[in-house]
Amino acid sequence: MSTQSPIPDFFDSQKVGTTWRVPYEERAKQARDWARSQQDIHPASADSTRTWLMLIDVQNTFCIPDFELYVGGRSGRGAVEDNVRLCEFIYRNLGTITRITATMDTHRTMQVFHAIFFVDKDDNHPAPYTDIHVSDLRDGKWTFNAALASQFGIAPEYGQQMMIHYAEKLQKTGKYALTIWFELPGTFEMLLLKALSLGAMHGWGVAERIERLSGGACEIQQGAVYPALQRLLRRGWVAGEHSEPVTN
């Protein structure tokens, strides 16, 4: 039975959550010397029981503060704290881990959840966080952007059929609508700043204010509000205060 290994001295938890140049040659030598000093770490090829550690969607966008989809959680450092624990877990259990694979949630420049994919009768694109329903596509409120047809080698009519098909599939799951995400980092933050410029308010109230200001065009998911507010707080663009709940 394998015992846990200590955390190596060259691991710096303060660098988790930042982008920095890795000194690969130096780190490779450090890793080799450290592994040789641990009795329970042997070549993975010799493992009789093979353990595969799968890391899901650990790209910078989700894991590094100030990136557009950073997951801050309640503390504002949720993803960073998770990754510190992850790194420590890997080091402590290298004696039993055979392989590590990291997936990356990557996207093309133009995808179905980007505003450029849809236009209304006046050739306007939907606002960020707009939910597009099957009825919106069938009634012509939103249609596939015909200007993109040549990019995908399809006819505009076929593009519209595919949008309806995709929205129907999402609707049948009963969980998600076809939601438009912002295409440029910072777009959502600008919406938050506009809402807060009208007066202080708690996070969920800010989301409701954005929906009212947009006439319902922007339907904000609560889980997106707090990480964005944390980014604005760290930049010093907004100020926050804590208040105790009122109880009778």
Protein backbone atom coordinates (compact mmCIF):
# COMPACT_ATOMS: atom_id res chain seq x y z
CA MET A 1 0.00 0.00 0.00
CA SER A 2 1.48 3.35 -1.07
CA THR A 3 1.97 6.19 1.41
CA GLN A 4 1.55 9.84 0.56
CA SER A 5 4.58 11.81 -0.55
CA PRO A 6 5.52 15.24 0.82
CA ILE A 7 4.97 18.42 -1.19
CA PRO A 8 8.25 19.31 -2.98
CA ASP A 9 10.03 22.54 -2.08
CA PHE A 10 9.85 23.85 -5.64
CA PHE A 11 6.04 23.97 -5.58
CA ASP A 12 4.97 27.59 -5.02
CA SER A 13 1.25 27.84 -4.22
CA GLN A 14 1.43 31.63 -4.65
CA LYS A 15 1.93 31.15 -8.39
CA VAL A 16 -1.28 29.14 -8.76
CA GLY A 17 -3.79 31.43 -10.42
CA THR A 18 -1.17 33.36 -12.38
CA THR A 19 0.50 32.96 -15.76
CA TRP A 20 4.28 32.70 -15.66
CA ARG A 21 7.21 31.26 -17.60
CA VAL A 22 8.03 27.72 -16.49
CA PRO A 23 11.80 27.00 -16.34
CA TYR A 24 11.34 23.55 -17.88
CA GLU A 25 14.96 22.34 -17.80
CA GLU A 26 15.42 23.43 -14.19
CA ARG A 27 12.05 22.02 -13.13
CA ALA A 28 12.72 18.68 -14.86
CA LYS A 29 15.95 18.25 -12.88
CA GLN A 30 14.23 19.27 -9.63
CA ALA A 31 11.39 16.83 -10.30
CA ARG A 32 13.80 13.98 -11.08
CA ASP A 33 15.86 14.56 -7.93
CA TRP A 34 12.73 14.87 -5.79
CA ALA A 35 11.19 11.68 -7.23
CA ARG A 36 14.39 9.74 -6.62
CA SER A 37 14.27 10.77 -2.96
CA GLN A 38 10.79 9.25 -2.54
CA GLN A 39 10.73 5.50 -1.92
CA ASP A 40 7.15 5.03 -3.15
CA ILE A 41 7.52 6.75 -6.53
CA HIS A 42 8.43 4.40 -9.39
CA PRO A 43 8.02 4.62 -13.19
CA ALA A 44 4.32 4.59 -14.12
CA SER A 45 5.02 1.78 -16.59
CA ALA A 46 5.60 -0.50 -13.61
CA ASP A 47 2.16 0.11 -12.04
CA SER A 48 0.23 -3.11 -11.49
CA THR A 49 -2.92 -1.09 -10.75
CA ARG A 50 -3.29 1.74 -13.21
CA THR A 51 -4.95 4.96 -12.03
CA TRP A 52 -5.92 7.68 -14.47
CA LEU A 53 -6.55 11.19 -13.13
CA MET A 54 -8.85 13.17 -15.44
CA LEU A 55 -8.98 16.96 -14.99
CA ILE A 56 -12.01 18.60 -16.63
CA ASP A 57 -11.86 22.07 -18.24
CA VAL A 58 -8.86 23.46 -16.37
CA GLN A 59 -8.12 26.22 -18.88
CA ASN A 60 -7.03 29.73 -17.88
CA THR A 61 -10.46 31.19 -18.69
CA PHE A 62 -12.05 29.39 -15.73
CA CYS A 63 -9.09 29.22 -13.34
CA ILE A 64 -7.26 32.57 -13.37
CA PRO A 65 -8.63 35.77 -11.80
CA ASP A 66 -9.53 38.56 -14.25
CA PHE A 67 -10.19 36.09 -17.08
CA GLU A 68 -13.70 36.39 -18.48
CA LEU A 69 -15.22 33.18 -17.07
CA TYR A 70 -13.19 32.90 -13.88
CA VAL A 71 -14.99 30.88 -11.18
CA GLY A 72 -14.38 32.80 -7.98
CA GLY A 73 -17.00 31.14 -5.78
CA ARG A 74 -17.95 32.66 -2.42
CA SER A 75 -14.39 33.54 -1.45
CA GLY A 76 -13.52 35.10 -4.80
CA ARG A 77 -10.61 32.66 -5.11
CA GLY A 78 -12.53 29.42 -5.51
CA ALA A 79 -10.82 28.10 -8.65
CA VAL A 80 -7.37 29.13 -7.38
CA GLU A 81 -7.94 27.40 -4.06
CA ASP A 82 -9.22 24.30 -5.86
CA ASN A 83 -6.10 24.20 -8.03
CA VAL A 84 -3.78 24.54 -5.05
CA ARG A 85 -5.51 21.53 -3.50
CA LEU A 86 -5.31 19.73 -6.85
CA CYS A 87 -1.56 20.30 -7.18
CA GLU A 88 -0.97 19.13 -3.62
CA PHE A 89 -3.14 16.06 -4.22
CA ILE A 90 -1.09 15.16 -7.30
CA TYR A 91 2.24 15.50 -5.51
CA ARG A 92 1.06 13.51 -2.50
CA ASN A 93 -0.30 10.69 -4.65
CA LEU A 94 2.24 10.46 -7.47
CA GLY A 95 3.12 7.00 -6.24
CA THR A 96 -0.31 5.71 -7.29
CA ILE A 97 -1.22 7.94 -10.25
CA THR A 98 -0.33 6.35 -13.59
CA ARG A 99 -1.54 9.02 -16.00
CA ILE A 100 -2.88 12.57 -15.87
CA THR A 101 -5.05 14.03 -18.64
CA ALA A 102 -6.40 17.59 -18.73
CA THR A 103 -9.31 18.51 -20.97
CA MET A 104 -9.73 22.00 -22.39
CA ASP A 105 -13.10 23.54 -23.23
CA THR A 106 -12.09 25.23 -26.49
CA HIS A 107 -14.26 27.14 -28.96
CA ARG A 108 -14.06 28.51 -32.47
CA THR A 109 -14.25 32.22 -33.21
CA MET A 110 -17.88 31.87 -34.32
CA GLN A 111 -20.11 29.37 -32.54
CA VAL A 112 -23.81 28.93 -31.98
CA PHE A 113 -23.75 30.65 -28.58
CA HIS A 114 -22.11 33.83 -29.98
CA ALA A 115 -24.30 36.84 -30.75
CA ILE A 116 -22.98 37.07 -34.31
CA PHE A 117 -24.82 33.83 -35.13
CA PHE A 118 -28.24 35.52 -34.93
CA VAL A 119 -29.94 38.67 -36.22
CA ASP A 120 -33.38 40.19 -35.83
CA LYS A 121 -35.42 41.84 -38.60
CA ASP A 122 -33.25 45.00 -38.26
CA ASP A 123 -29.96 43.02 -38.45
CA ASN A 124 -29.23 43.57 -34.75
CA HIS A 125 -27.49 40.84 -32.76
CA PRO A 126 -28.88 39.57 -29.44
CA ALA A 127 -27.41 41.00 -26.24
CA PRO A 128 -25.18 38.88 -23.99
CA TYR A 129 -27.08 36.34 -21.89
CA THR A 130 -30.15 36.46 -24.12
CA ASP A 131 -32.05 33.16 -24.11
CA ILE A 132 -33.18 32.14 -27.61
CA HIS A 133 -36.13 29.75 -27.59
CA VAL A 134 -37.56 27.57 -30.35
CA SER A 135 -40.56 29.89 -30.61
CA ASP A 136 -38.23 32.88 -31.17
CA LEU A 137 -36.66 31.09 -34.15
CA ARG A 138 -39.93 29.86 -35.63
CA ASP A 139 -41.59 33.29 -35.28
CA GLY A 140 -38.64 35.09 -36.85
CA LYS A 141 -37.70 37.09 -33.76
CA TRP A 142 -34.18 35.70 -34.27
CA THR A 143 -32.84 34.08 -37.44
CA PHE A 144 -29.55 32.52 -38.44
CA ASN A 145 -27.16 35.19 -39.71
CA ALA A 146 -27.11 34.59 -43.48
CA ALA A 147 -23.75 36.41 -43.72
CA LEU A 148 -22.13 33.42 -42.00
CA ALA A 149 -23.50 30.80 -44.38
CA SER A 150 -20.49 30.85 -46.71
CA GLN A 151 -18.14 30.41 -43.72
CA PHE A 152 -19.73 27.04 -43.03
CA GLY A 153 -20.47 26.05 -46.63
CA ILE A 154 -24.24 25.92 -46.10
CA ALA A 155 -27.34 27.71 -47.39
CA PRO A 156 -28.90 30.31 -45.04
CA GLU A 157 -32.13 28.29 -44.96
CA TYR A 158 -30.25 25.22 -43.79
CA GLY A 159 -28.54 27.31 -41.12
CA GLN A 160 -31.93 28.38 -39.79
CA GLN A 161 -33.14 24.78 -39.78
CA MET A 162 -30.07 23.74 -37.79
CA MET A 163 -30.64 26.53 -35.23
CA ILE A 164 -34.23 25.37 -34.72
CA HIS A 165 -33.08 21.75 -34.42
CA TYR A 166 -30.42 22.68 -31.84
CA ALA A 167 -32.83 24.82 -29.79
CA GLU A 168 -35.39 21.99 -29.84
CA LYS A 169 -32.82 19.52 -28.53
CA LEU A 170 -31.92 21.87 -25.68
CA GLN A 171 -35.57 22.53 -24.87
CA LYS A 172 -36.34 18.82 -24.66
CA THR A 173 -33.70 18.36 -21.95
CA GLY A 174 -35.67 20.76 -19.78
CA LYS A 175 -32.43 22.20 -18.38
CA TYR A 176 -31.02 24.78 -20.74
CA ALA A 177 -32.04 27.34 -23.32
CA LEU A 178 -29.80 28.46 -26.17
CA THR A 179 -28.04 31.27 -24.29
CA ILE A 180 -25.86 33.94 -25.91
CA TRP A 181 -22.50 34.40 -24.24
CA PHE A 182 -20.40 37.53 -24.52
CA GLU A 183 -17.76 37.40 -27.25
CA LEU A 184 -15.27 39.89 -25.81
CA PRO A 185 -13.80 39.78 -22.29
CA GLY A 186 -15.23 42.54 -20.14
CA THR A 187 -18.64 42.86 -21.82
CA PHE A 188 -20.51 41.50 -18.81
CA GLU A 189 -18.50 43.68 -16.43
CA MET A 190 -19.60 46.76 -18.39
CA LEU A 191 -23.24 45.75 -17.93
CA LEU A 192 -22.66 45.37 -14.19
CA LEU A 193 -20.99 48.78 -13.94
CA LYS A 194 -23.89 50.39 -15.80
CA ALA A 195 -26.38 48.81 -13.40
CA LEU A 196 -24.37 49.80 -10.31
CA SER A 197 -24.00 53.39 -11.54
CA LEU A 198 -27.71 53.79 -10.74
CA GLY A 199 -27.19 52.93 -7.08
CA ALA A 200 -25.77 50.33 -4.72
CA MET A 201 -27.41 46.91 -4.73
CA HIS A 202 -26.71 43.28 -3.82
CA GLY A 203 -25.62 40.81 -6.47
CA TRP A 204 -28.94 39.26 -7.39
CA GLY A 205 -30.56 42.70 -7.42
CA VAL A 206 -27.93 43.83 -9.94
CA ALA A 207 -28.89 40.97 -12.25
CA GLU A 208 -32.57 41.92 -11.99
CA ARG A 209 -31.70 45.57 -12.71
CA ILE A 210 -29.80 44.58 -15.89
CA GLU A 211 -32.80 42.58 -17.05
CA ARG A 212 -35.10 45.56 -16.48
CA LEU A 213 -32.75 48.00 -18.20
CA SER A 214 -32.52 45.72 -21.23
CA GLY A 215 -36.28 45.24 -21.40
CA GLY A 216 -35.81 41.55 -20.70
CA ALA A 217 -33.27 41.07 -23.51
CA CYS A 218 -30.54 40.09 -21.02
CA GLU A 219 -31.56 37.20 -18.80
CA ILE A 220 -28.72 36.93 -16.29
CA GLN A 221 -27.87 33.66 -14.58
CA GLN A 222 -27.17 34.21 -10.86
CA GLY A 223 -24.03 32.06 -10.98
CA ALA A 224 -22.42 34.52 -13.41
CA VAL A 225 -22.95 37.63 -11.26
CA TYR A 226 -20.77 37.03 -8.20
CA PRO A 227 -17.51 36.01 -9.95
CA ALA A 228 -17.78 39.13 -12.15
CA LEU A 229 -18.42 41.34 -9.11
CA GLN A 230 -15.36 39.83 -7.41
CA ARG A 231 -13.25 40.77 -10.44
CA LEU A 232 -14.53 44.35 -10.27
CA LEU A 233 -13.79 44.49 -6.53
CA ARG A 234 -10.20 43.31 -7.03
CA ARG A 235 -9.67 45.98 -9.70
CA GLY A 236 -11.02 48.65 -7.37
CA TRP A 237 -13.79 49.60 -9.81
CA VAL A 238 -16.54 48.97 -7.24
CA ALA A 239 -16.68 48.84 -3.45
CA GLY A 240 -18.55 46.35 -1.33
CA GLU A 241 -19.82 46.20 2.20
CA HIS A 242 -20.96 43.37 4.45
CA SER A 243 -24.17 43.56 6.41
CA GLU A 244 -25.67 41.10 8.85
CA PRO A 245 -29.10 39.65 7.97
CA VAL A 246 -32.02 41.16 9.82
CA THR A 247 -33.91 38.64 11.94
CA ASN A 248 -36.98 39.03 14.15
